[in-house]
């Protein structure tokens, strides 16, 4: 439940291992982190929330991008 004054709540689950196919069709082990975002539709549009989750996913997958300036 979103409390007054809050725009969104980000929930993180527990990391677990899962077998996935890589780009070459081979099975490899991957770490999976379930993420959920609840947001107030009066404040945020669904597209903005999706962009936020896409950016978060990219930063979690490649955290070195946190230290590099975009030009």
N, C-alpha and C. Protein backbone atom coordinates (compact mmCIF):
# COMPACT_ATOMS: atom_id res chain seq x y z
N UNK A 1 0.86 -1.18 0.00
CA UNK A 1 0.00 0.00 0.00
C UNK A 1 0.89 1.23 0.00
N UNK A 2 0.57 2.14 -0.89
CA UNK A 2 1.33 3.39 -0.97
C UNK A 2 0.74 4.37 0.03
N UNK A 3 1.58 4.91 0.89
CA UNK A 3 1.15 5.86 1.91
C UNK A 3 1.09 7.27 1.33
N UNK A 4 0.31 8.16 1.95
CA UNK A 4 0.26 9.55 1.49
C UNK A 4 1.66 10.15 1.46
N UNK A 5 1.95 10.88 0.38
CA UNK A 5 3.27 11.48 0.22
C UNK A 5 4.25 10.60 -0.54
N UNK A 6 3.89 9.36 -0.79
CA UNK A 6 4.76 8.45 -1.54
C UNK A 6 4.25 8.33 -2.96
N UNK A 7 5.16 8.22 -3.91
CA UNK A 7 4.78 8.05 -5.31
C UNK A 7 4.87 6.60 -5.75
N UNK A 8 5.79 5.84 -5.12
CA UNK A 8 5.99 4.46 -5.54
C UNK A 8 6.69 3.66 -4.44
N UNK A 9 6.59 2.36 -4.55
CA UNK A 9 7.29 1.44 -3.65
C UNK A 9 7.98 0.40 -4.52
N UNK A 10 9.27 0.22 -4.29
CA UNK A 10 10.05 -0.78 -5.00
C UNK A 10 10.28 -1.96 -4.06
N UNK A 11 9.89 -3.14 -4.50
CA UNK A 11 10.07 -4.34 -3.69
C UNK A 11 11.09 -5.27 -4.34
N UNK A 12 12.01 -5.77 -3.55
CA UNK A 12 13.03 -6.70 -4.03
C UNK A 12 12.83 -8.04 -3.34
N UNK A 13 12.87 -9.11 -4.12
CA UNK A 13 12.75 -10.45 -3.56
C UNK A 13 14.11 -11.02 -3.22
N UNK A 14 14.13 -12.31 -3.02
CA UNK A 14 15.36 -13.01 -2.69
C UNK A 14 16.02 -13.50 -3.98
N UNK A 15 17.33 -13.32 -4.10
CA UNK A 15 18.07 -13.82 -5.26
C UNK A 15 18.10 -15.33 -5.23
N UNK A 16 17.85 -15.94 -6.41
CA UNK A 16 17.92 -17.40 -6.50
C UNK A 16 18.58 -17.79 -7.81
N UNK A 17 19.05 -19.03 -7.89
CA UNK A 17 19.70 -19.55 -9.09
C UNK A 17 18.67 -20.20 -10.00
N UNK A 18 18.88 -20.03 -11.32
CA UNK A 18 18.01 -20.66 -12.30
C UNK A 18 18.84 -21.01 -13.54
N UNK A 19 18.54 -22.14 -14.13
CA UNK A 19 19.18 -22.53 -15.38
C UNK A 19 18.51 -21.77 -16.53
N UNK A 20 19.33 -21.11 -17.36
CA UNK A 20 18.82 -20.35 -18.50
C UNK A 20 19.65 -20.67 -19.73
N UNK A 21 19.08 -20.41 -20.90
CA UNK A 21 19.82 -20.57 -22.15
C UNK A 21 20.57 -19.29 -22.45
N UNK A 22 21.85 -19.42 -22.80
CA UNK A 22 22.60 -18.23 -23.19
C UNK A 22 22.41 -17.98 -24.68
N UNK A 23 23.09 -17.01 -25.24
CA UNK A 23 22.92 -16.65 -26.64
C UNK A 23 23.34 -17.74 -27.61
N UNK A 24 24.14 -18.70 -27.14
CA UNK A 24 24.61 -19.79 -28.00
C UNK A 24 23.78 -21.05 -27.86
N UNK A 25 22.68 -20.98 -27.12
CA UNK A 25 21.83 -22.15 -26.94
C UNK A 25 22.33 -23.12 -25.88
N UNK A 26 23.31 -22.69 -25.09
CA UNK A 26 23.85 -23.54 -24.03
C UNK A 26 23.21 -23.14 -22.70
N UNK A 27 23.07 -24.12 -21.83
CA UNK A 27 22.48 -23.87 -20.52
C UNK A 27 23.56 -23.34 -19.58
N UNK A 28 23.22 -22.30 -18.84
CA UNK A 28 24.13 -21.75 -17.83
C UNK A 28 23.33 -21.38 -16.59
N UNK A 29 24.03 -21.19 -15.50
CA UNK A 29 23.41 -20.79 -14.24
C UNK A 29 23.29 -19.27 -14.22
N UNK A 30 22.15 -18.76 -13.80
CA UNK A 30 21.95 -17.31 -13.70
C UNK A 30 21.35 -16.98 -12.34
N UNK A 31 21.75 -15.83 -11.81
CA UNK A 31 21.15 -15.30 -10.59
C UNK A 31 19.92 -14.49 -10.97
N UNK A 32 18.79 -14.75 -10.33
CA UNK A 32 17.54 -14.06 -10.62
C UNK A 32 17.13 -13.26 -9.38
N UNK A 33 16.78 -11.99 -9.58
CA UNK A 33 16.30 -11.12 -8.51
C UNK A 33 14.90 -10.64 -8.87
N UNK A 34 13.86 -11.18 -8.22
CA UNK A 34 12.51 -10.68 -8.48
C UNK A 34 12.35 -9.23 -8.00
N UNK A 35 11.77 -8.40 -8.86
CA UNK A 35 11.57 -6.98 -8.55
C UNK A 35 10.12 -6.63 -8.86
N UNK A 36 9.50 -5.86 -7.96
CA UNK A 36 8.15 -5.38 -8.23
C UNK A 36 8.08 -3.89 -7.91
N UNK A 37 7.29 -3.18 -8.69
CA UNK A 37 7.13 -1.74 -8.50
C UNK A 37 5.64 -1.43 -8.43
N UNK A 38 5.24 -0.83 -7.33
CA UNK A 38 3.87 -0.35 -7.17
C UNK A 38 3.94 1.16 -7.20
N UNK A 39 3.09 1.80 -8.00
CA UNK A 39 3.17 3.25 -8.10
C UNK A 39 1.79 3.87 -8.22
N UNK A 40 1.72 5.14 -7.89
CA UNK A 40 0.47 5.90 -7.95
C UNK A 40 0.26 6.38 -9.38
N UNK A 41 -0.77 5.88 -10.03
CA UNK A 41 -1.04 6.23 -11.43
C UNK A 41 -1.47 7.69 -11.59
N UNK A 42 -1.80 8.36 -10.50
CA UNK A 42 -2.13 9.79 -10.58
C UNK A 42 -0.86 10.63 -10.68
N UNK A 43 0.27 10.05 -10.27
CA UNK A 43 1.54 10.78 -10.29
C UNK A 43 2.43 10.32 -11.44
N UNK A 44 2.49 9.02 -11.66
CA UNK A 44 3.36 8.44 -12.69
C UNK A 44 2.55 7.75 -13.77
N UNK A 45 3.05 7.83 -14.97
CA UNK A 45 2.48 7.09 -16.08
C UNK A 45 3.16 5.72 -16.13
N UNK A 46 2.46 4.71 -16.62
CA UNK A 46 3.03 3.37 -16.71
C UNK A 46 4.31 3.33 -17.52
N UNK A 47 4.41 4.18 -18.55
CA UNK A 47 5.62 4.22 -19.38
C UNK A 47 6.82 4.70 -18.55
N UNK A 48 6.60 5.68 -17.68
CA UNK A 48 7.69 6.18 -16.82
C UNK A 48 8.15 5.09 -15.87
N UNK A 49 7.21 4.35 -15.31
CA UNK A 49 7.55 3.27 -14.39
C UNK A 49 8.32 2.17 -15.13
N UNK A 50 7.90 1.84 -16.34
CA UNK A 50 8.59 0.83 -17.14
C UNK A 50 10.01 1.29 -17.48
N UNK A 51 10.19 2.57 -17.81
CA UNK A 51 11.53 3.10 -18.09
C UNK A 51 12.41 3.01 -16.85
N UNK A 52 11.84 3.31 -15.69
CA UNK A 52 12.61 3.19 -14.45
C UNK A 52 13.08 1.76 -14.23
N UNK A 53 12.18 0.80 -14.40
CA UNK A 53 12.55 -0.60 -14.20
C UNK A 53 13.58 -1.06 -15.23
N UNK A 54 13.47 -0.58 -16.46
CA UNK A 54 14.44 -0.93 -17.50
C UNK A 54 15.83 -0.39 -17.13
N UNK A 55 15.88 0.85 -16.65
CA UNK A 55 17.15 1.45 -16.23
C UNK A 55 17.72 0.70 -15.03
N UNK A 56 16.88 0.38 -14.06
CA UNK A 56 17.32 -0.36 -12.88
C UNK A 56 17.89 -1.71 -13.28
N UNK A 57 17.21 -2.41 -14.17
CA UNK A 57 17.68 -3.72 -14.65
C UNK A 57 19.06 -3.59 -15.28
N UNK A 58 19.23 -2.59 -16.13
CA UNK A 58 20.53 -2.38 -16.78
C UNK A 58 21.64 -2.10 -15.79
N UNK A 59 21.35 -1.29 -14.77
CA UNK A 59 22.37 -0.97 -13.77
C UNK A 59 22.69 -2.17 -12.88
N UNK A 60 21.71 -2.99 -12.57
CA UNK A 60 21.97 -4.19 -11.76
C UNK A 60 22.77 -5.23 -12.56
N UNK A 61 22.51 -5.32 -13.86
CA UNK A 61 23.23 -6.27 -14.70
C UNK A 61 24.65 -5.82 -14.99
N UNK A 62 24.87 -4.50 -15.09
CA UNK A 62 26.19 -3.96 -15.39
C UNK A 62 26.47 -2.76 -14.47
N UNK A 63 26.80 -3.03 -13.19
CA UNK A 63 26.95 -1.93 -12.22
C UNK A 63 28.10 -0.98 -12.53
N UNK A 64 29.03 -1.37 -13.40
CA UNK A 64 30.12 -0.45 -13.75
C UNK A 64 29.59 0.81 -14.44
N UNK A 65 28.39 0.75 -14.99
CA UNK A 65 27.80 1.93 -15.62
C UNK A 65 27.44 3.01 -14.60
N UNK A 66 27.40 2.66 -13.33
CA UNK A 66 27.16 3.66 -12.30
C UNK A 66 28.33 4.65 -12.18
N UNK A 67 29.51 4.22 -12.62
CA UNK A 67 30.72 5.02 -12.45
C UNK A 67 31.17 5.68 -13.74
N UNK A 68 30.43 5.54 -14.82
CA UNK A 68 30.83 6.10 -16.11
C UNK A 68 29.82 7.17 -16.50
N UNK A 69 30.33 8.34 -16.88
CA UNK A 69 29.45 9.41 -17.32
C UNK A 69 28.98 9.16 -18.73
N UNK A 70 27.70 9.41 -18.99
CA UNK A 70 27.18 9.33 -20.35
C UNK A 70 27.43 10.65 -21.04
N UNK A 71 27.80 10.58 -22.30
CA UNK A 71 28.05 11.83 -23.04
C UNK A 71 26.99 12.01 -24.09
